[in-house]
């Protein structure tokens, strides 16, 4: 699915202007006259590809209300807020909900395009990271209960001897479990193993891989 810029603004002239600008820049854009109009067309395929350019003040549901609702639905589209009524309180609320940019009208075309391109790059990173996260979670699910226990202790930084004492098994047995964990998770180092668990738990913020695995340190 190609990245799409979704524009939600109740100003007809602004919507038309943004669509024309993005089209001339070679980007696909879809415009909606209200938050409810956008929601009526929203589906899960729209959650990860592109970005959302969102007006704060609209009739019916506000931009902040839509942003909050999409977050609850698991939408990871980067959000660019545009408004002619900017204030500090609104900016803070929007940023807390995850908006990546807040632009006051009138803004330059270059400023808008710069923000959109950055948002699309972020969207692609998030999508790649979600794919990697799912793959690593599947690998972790294939560990036996004992292997998972060893793995969870390994990433705390304890040595084989310390793990052996904690689990009341021999160091040699720990080495066997450690080898199985590294093989099943396709990890080349302890640092990489730690990054995998952080990614699986959603605690890495950006994609860090080239081959489906986080880089080693």
Protein backbone atom coordinates (compact mmCIF):
# COMPACT_ATOMS: atom_id res chain seq x y z
CA UNK A 1 0.00 0.00 0.00
CA UNK A 2 1.49 3.38 -1.06
CA UNK A 3 1.82 6.15 1.55
CA UNK A 4 -1.17 8.48 1.56
CA UNK A 5 -1.54 11.92 3.11
CA UNK A 6 -4.97 12.10 4.74
CA UNK A 7 -6.24 15.67 5.09
CA UNK A 8 -9.03 16.45 7.54
CA UNK A 9 -10.13 20.09 7.43
CA UNK A 10 -13.57 21.71 7.25
CA UNK A 11 -12.22 24.60 5.15
CA UNK A 12 -12.98 23.75 1.50
CA UNK A 13 -10.34 26.11 0.11
CA UNK A 14 -7.65 24.73 2.45
CA UNK A 15 -8.45 21.14 1.51
CA UNK A 16 -8.30 21.90 -2.19
CA UNK A 17 -5.08 23.87 -1.80
CA UNK A 18 -3.36 21.10 0.16
CA UNK A 19 -4.47 18.41 -2.29
CA UNK A 20 -3.13 20.42 -5.22
CA UNK A 21 0.17 21.08 -3.45
CA UNK A 22 0.71 17.43 -2.55
CA UNK A 23 -0.31 16.27 -6.02
CA UNK A 24 2.25 18.61 -7.62
CA UNK A 25 4.85 17.21 -5.19
CA UNK A 26 4.07 13.69 -6.39
CA UNK A 27 2.24 12.54 -3.26
CA UNK A 28 -1.11 10.80 -3.00
CA UNK A 29 -3.65 12.75 -0.93
CA UNK A 30 -7.19 12.13 0.23
CA UNK A 31 -9.28 14.89 1.78
CA UNK A 32 -12.18 14.78 4.26
CA UNK A 33 -14.42 17.65 5.35
CA UNK A 34 -14.79 16.52 8.96
CA UNK A 35 -13.53 14.05 11.54
CA UNK A 36 -16.73 12.01 11.14
CA UNK A 37 -16.25 11.92 7.37
CA UNK A 38 -12.72 10.56 7.87
CA UNK A 39 -13.90 7.97 10.39
CA UNK A 40 -16.61 6.77 8.01
CA UNK A 41 -13.87 5.83 5.52
CA UNK A 42 -11.28 4.68 8.06
CA UNK A 43 -10.10 1.08 8.00
CA UNK A 44 -7.13 -0.81 9.43
CA UNK A 45 -5.19 -0.63 6.14
CA UNK A 46 -4.93 3.13 6.71
CA UNK A 47 -3.27 2.81 10.12
CA UNK A 48 0.36 2.51 9.11
CA UNK A 49 0.96 3.99 5.65
CA UNK A 50 1.31 7.76 5.31
CA UNK A 51 0.33 10.56 7.64
CA UNK A 52 -2.60 12.64 8.83
CA UNK A 53 -2.80 16.41 8.32
CA UNK A 54 -5.41 17.49 10.81
CA UNK A 55 -7.13 20.80 11.56
CA UNK A 56 -7.67 21.42 15.27
CA UNK A 57 -10.97 23.31 15.21
CA UNK A 58 -13.75 21.77 13.13
CA UNK A 59 -17.50 21.53 13.47
CA UNK A 60 -18.64 18.38 15.27
CA UNK A 61 -15.67 16.36 16.47
CA UNK A 62 -12.52 18.43 16.98
CA UNK A 63 -9.10 17.51 15.70
CA UNK A 64 -7.89 16.67 19.21
CA UNK A 65 -10.88 14.39 19.77
CA UNK A 66 -10.17 12.57 16.50
CA UNK A 67 -6.49 12.26 17.37
CA UNK A 68 -7.36 10.73 20.74
CA UNK A 69 -9.88 8.29 19.23
CA UNK A 70 -7.41 7.12 16.58
CA UNK A 71 -4.83 6.48 19.28
CA UNK A 72 -7.30 4.26 21.12
CA UNK A 73 -7.91 2.36 17.88
CA UNK A 74 -4.19 1.66 17.48
CA UNK A 75 -3.60 4.04 14.58
CA UNK A 76 0.12 4.83 14.23
CA UNK A 77 -0.19 7.44 11.49
CA UNK A 78 2.06 10.43 12.31
CA UNK A 79 -0.13 13.49 12.88
CA UNK A 80 0.58 17.01 11.67
CA UNK A 81 -1.70 19.55 13.33
CA UNK A 82 -2.61 22.72 11.43
CA UNK A 83 -4.61 25.57 12.90
CA UNK A 84 -5.37 29.24 12.64
CA UNK A 85 -6.08 29.40 16.35
CA UNK A 86 -2.85 28.11 17.89
CA UNK A 87 -2.19 28.46 21.59
CA UNK A 88 0.18 26.85 24.08
CA UNK A 89 -2.48 24.76 25.81
CA UNK A 90 -3.74 23.25 22.55
CA UNK A 91 -0.18 22.55 21.41
CA UNK A 92 0.66 20.74 24.65
CA UNK A 93 -2.49 18.60 24.48
CA UNK A 94 -1.83 17.67 20.86
CA UNK A 95 1.82 16.78 21.50
CA UNK A 96 0.84 14.64 24.49
CA UNK A 97 -1.48 12.71 22.17
CA UNK A 98 1.46 12.06 19.87
CA UNK A 99 1.36 14.79 17.22
CA UNK A 100 4.76 15.18 15.57
CA UNK A 101 4.26 18.74 14.30
CA UNK A 102 2.04 21.74 15.06
CA UNK A 103 1.79 24.35 12.28
CA UNK A 104 -0.05 27.65 12.49
CA UNK A 105 -1.86 29.12 9.47
CA UNK A 106 -0.72 30.74 7.30
CA UNK A 107 2.25 28.48 6.60
CA UNK A 108 4.55 28.21 3.60
CA UNK A 109 4.28 25.39 1.09
CA UNK A 110 7.86 24.37 1.79
CA UNK A 111 7.13 24.12 5.51
CA UNK A 112 4.13 21.86 4.94
CA UNK A 113 5.97 19.62 2.46
CA UNK A 114 8.95 19.33 4.79
CA UNK A 115 6.69 18.16 7.61
CA UNK A 116 4.76 15.73 5.40
CA UNK A 117 7.93 14.11 4.04
CA UNK A 118 9.30 13.71 7.57
CA UNK A 119 5.97 12.21 8.69
CA UNK A 120 5.97 9.68 5.85
CA UNK A 121 9.53 8.63 6.70
CA UNK A 122 8.45 8.13 10.31
CA UNK A 123 5.42 6.13 9.16
CA UNK A 124 7.65 3.82 7.13
CA UNK A 125 9.99 3.34 10.11
CA UNK A 126 7.06 2.52 12.38
CA UNK A 127 5.64 0.05 9.87
CA UNK A 128 8.99 -1.72 9.45
CA UNK A 129 9.42 -1.84 13.21
CA UNK A 130 5.96 -3.37 13.67
CA UNK A 131 6.83 -6.11 11.16
CA UNK A 132 10.10 -6.79 12.98
CA UNK A 133 8.33 -6.75 16.35
CA UNK A 134 5.82 -9.36 15.18
CA UNK A 135 8.59 -11.60 13.82
CA UNK A 136 10.60 -11.42 17.04
CA UNK A 137 7.50 -12.09 19.14
CA UNK A 138 6.90 -15.21 17.03
CA UNK A 139 10.47 -16.36 17.66
CA UNK A 140 10.13 -15.78 21.40
CA UNK A 141 6.87 -17.75 21.42
CA UNK A 142 8.77 -20.78 20.11
CA UNK A 143 11.03 -20.87 23.19
CA UNK A 144 10.28 -23.51 25.80
CA UNK A 145 9.24 -22.20 29.25
CA UNK A 146 12.72 -22.99 30.60
CA UNK A 147 14.46 -21.34 27.66
CA UNK A 148 12.32 -18.24 28.09
CA UNK A 149 13.19 -18.12 31.79
CA UNK A 150 16.90 -18.26 30.97
CA UNK A 151 16.50 -15.61 28.27
CA UNK A 152 14.70 -13.22 30.61
CA UNK A 153 17.49 -13.57 33.16
CA UNK A 154 20.21 -13.31 30.51
CA UNK A 155 19.03 -9.86 29.41
CA UNK A 156 19.44 -8.56 32.97
CA UNK A 157 23.21 -9.00 32.52
CA UNK A 158 23.86 -11.83 34.96
CA UNK A 159 26.72 -14.24 34.21
CA UNK A 160 26.21 -17.95 33.55
CA UNK A 161 27.39 -18.75 37.08
CA UNK A 162 24.97 -16.25 38.62
CA UNK A 163 22.10 -17.62 36.50
CA UNK A 164 23.05 -21.17 37.53
CA UNK A 165 22.88 -20.25 41.22
CA UNK A 166 19.58 -18.39 40.78
CA UNK A 167 17.97 -21.29 38.89
CA UNK A 168 19.69 -24.00 40.93
CA UNK A 169 21.17 -25.68 37.86
CA UNK A 170 24.73 -26.19 36.63
CA UNK A 171 26.65 -23.59 34.61
CA UNK A 172 26.94 -26.13 31.82
CA UNK A 173 23.15 -26.44 31.67
CA UNK A 174 22.87 -22.66 31.50
CA UNK A 175 25.32 -22.66 28.58
CA UNK A 176 23.16 -25.22 26.75
CA UNK A 177 19.99 -23.19 27.30
CA UNK A 178 21.80 -20.00 26.31
CA UNK A 179 22.95 -21.54 23.03
CA UNK A 180 19.40 -22.71 22.26
CA UNK A 181 17.98 -19.26 23.01
CA UNK A 182 20.50 -17.51 20.78
CA UNK A 183 19.89 -20.00 17.96
CA UNK A 184 16.08 -19.87 18.10
CA UNK A 185 15.99 -16.08 18.28
CA UNK A 186 18.76 -15.73 15.66
CA UNK A 187 20.70 -13.42 17.96
CA UNK A 188 24.45 -12.99 17.46
CA UNK A 189 25.20 -11.30 20.76
CA UNK A 190 23.76 -10.53 24.17
CA UNK A 191 23.35 -6.89 23.12
CA UNK A 192 21.24 -7.99 20.17
CA UNK A 193 19.20 -10.27 22.41
CA UNK A 194 18.42 -7.34 24.74
CA UNK A 195 17.32 -5.19 21.79
CA UNK A 196 15.06 -7.97 20.56
CA UNK A 197 13.25 -8.19 23.88
CA UNK A 198 12.94 -4.40 24.06
CA UNK A 199 11.45 -4.37 20.56
CA UNK A 200 9.08 -7.26 21.36
CA UNK A 201 7.88 -5.31 24.40
CA UNK A 202 7.40 -2.12 22.36
CA UNK A 203 10.17 -0.26 24.14
CA UNK A 204 12.27 0.64 21.09
CA UNK A 205 11.06 3.86 19.47
CA UNK A 206 12.69 3.59 16.04
CA UNK A 207 13.54 0.85 13.59
CA UNK A 208 17.16 -0.29 13.90
CA UNK A 209 17.45 -3.15 11.45
CA UNK A 210 18.50 -3.97 7.95
CA UNK A 211 17.77 -7.70 7.93
CA UNK A 212 14.79 -8.09 10.25
CA UNK A 213 16.90 -8.02 13.42
CA UNK A 214 18.11 -5.13 15.60
CA UNK A 215 21.76 -4.27 15.06
CA UNK A 216 24.33 -5.61 17.46
CA UNK A 217 26.12 -3.01 19.58
